[in-house]
Amino acid sequence: MAVKIDKDTCIGCGACVDTCPVSALSMVDDKAVCDEGACIDCGACIAVCPTSAISE
């Protein structure tokens, strides 16, 4: 299972991308996107998101 990103809440700051230990997150059209195959559900991105746009 991978994290879910609310596109309406994401402000495109990139904090989650920089935090992900397996590089499962990237920016597409100024919004965070998760590679579901790479995500290990560690929750690091959830903890750093300033707008709580990421959930399990």
C-alpha atoms as a PDB file:
ATOM      1  CA  MET A   1       0.000   0.000   0.000  1.00  0.00           C
ATOM      2  CA  ALA A   2       1.187   3.526  -0.656  1.00  0.00           C
ATOM      3  CA  VAL A   3       0.441   6.925   0.798  1.00  0.00           C
ATOM      4  CA  LYS A   4      -2.319   9.038  -0.696  1.00  0.00           C
ATOM      5  CA  ILE A   5      -1.784  12.663  -1.657  1.00  0.00           C
ATOM      6  CA  ASP A   6      -4.674  15.121  -1.747  1.00  0.00           C
ATOM      7  CA  LYS A   7      -3.951  17.233  -4.843  1.00  0.00           C
ATOM      8  CA  ASP A   8      -6.250  20.022  -3.655  1.00  0.00           C
ATOM      9  CA  THR A   9      -4.391  20.358  -0.346  1.00  0.00           C
ATOM     10  CA  CYS A  10      -0.837  19.883  -1.682  1.00  0.00           C
ATOM     11  CA  ILE A  11       0.961  23.232  -2.090  1.00  0.00           C
ATOM     12  CA  GLY A  12       3.914  21.767  -3.991  1.00  0.00           C
ATOM     13  CA  CYS A  13       6.548  22.660  -1.413  1.00  0.00           C
ATOM     14  CA  GLY A  14       8.568  19.482  -2.021  1.00  0.00           C
ATOM     15  CA  ALA A  15       9.230  18.734   1.656  1.00  0.00           C
ATOM     16  CA  CYS A  16       7.932  15.186   1.233  1.00  0.00           C
ATOM     17  CA  VAL A  17      10.098  14.559  -1.835  1.00  0.00           C
ATOM     18  CA  ASP A  18      13.229  15.597   0.063  1.00  0.00           C
ATOM     19  CA  THR A  19      12.279  13.429   3.057  1.00  0.00           C
ATOM     20  CA  CYS A  20      11.371  10.152   1.330  1.00  0.00           C
ATOM     21  CA  PRO A  21      14.132   7.594   2.051  1.00  0.00           C
ATOM     22  CA  VAL A  22      13.317   5.501  -1.040  1.00  0.00           C
ATOM     23  CA  SER A  23      12.653   8.329  -3.538  1.00  0.00           C
ATOM     24  CA  ALA A  24       9.054   7.225  -4.029  1.00  0.00           C
ATOM     25  CA  LEU A  25       7.811  10.806  -4.261  1.00  0.00           C
ATOM     26  CA  SER A  26       8.306  13.275  -7.068  1.00  0.00           C
ATOM     27  CA  MET A  27       6.818  16.531  -8.286  1.00  0.00           C
ATOM     28  CA  VAL A  28       4.513  16.546 -11.317  1.00  0.00           C
ATOM     29  CA  ASP A  29       2.813  19.783 -12.364  1.00  0.00           C
ATOM     30  CA  ASP A  30       3.857  21.352  -9.032  1.00  0.00           C
ATOM     31  CA  LYS A  31       2.132  18.633  -6.988  1.00  0.00           C
ATOM     32  CA  ALA A  32       3.576  15.653  -5.135  1.00  0.00           C
ATOM     33  CA  VAL A  33       3.053  12.236  -6.711  1.00  0.00           C
ATOM     34  CA  CYS A  34       3.747   8.852  -5.122  1.00  0.00           C
ATOM     35  CA  ASP A  35       5.231   5.875  -6.966  1.00  0.00           C
ATOM     36  CA  GLU A  36       3.100   3.175  -5.358  1.00  0.00           C
ATOM     37  CA  GLY A  37       5.555   0.451  -6.292  1.00  0.00           C
ATOM     38  CA  ALA A  38       8.418   2.167  -4.480  1.00  0.00           C
ATOM     39  CA  CYS A  39       6.592   3.470  -1.375  1.00  0.00           C
ATOM     40  CA  ILE A  40       7.392   1.520   1.800  1.00  0.00           C
ATOM     41  CA  ASP A  41       4.752   3.226   3.998  1.00  0.00           C
ATOM     42  CA  CYS A  42       7.324   4.580   6.438  1.00  0.00           C
ATOM     43  CA  GLY A  43       5.298   7.745   7.101  1.00  0.00           C
ATOM     44  CA  ALA A  44       8.233  10.159   6.847  1.00  0.00           C
ATOM     45  CA  CYS A  45       6.396  12.249   4.250  1.00  0.00           C
ATOM     46  CA  ILE A  46       3.243  12.414   6.359  1.00  0.00           C
ATOM     47  CA  ALA A  47       5.199  13.873   9.275  1.00  0.00           C
ATOM     48  CA  VAL A  48       6.776  16.693   7.225  1.00  0.00           C
ATOM     49  CA  CYS A  49       3.803  17.789   5.110  1.00  0.00           C
ATOM     50  CA  PRO A  50       2.867  21.317   6.276  1.00  0.00           C
ATOM     51  CA  THR A  51      -0.694  21.048   4.959  1.00  0.00           C
ATOM     52  CA  SER A  52      -1.482  17.449   5.962  1.00  0.00           C
ATOM     53  CA  ALA A  53      -2.065  16.588   2.289  1.00  0.00           C
ATOM     54  CA  ILE A  54      -0.570  13.108   2.724  1.00  0.00           C
ATOM     55  CA  SER A  55      -2.295  10.201   4.458  1.00  0.00           C
ATOM     56  CA  GLU A  56      -2.023   6.435   4.710  1.00  0.00           C
END
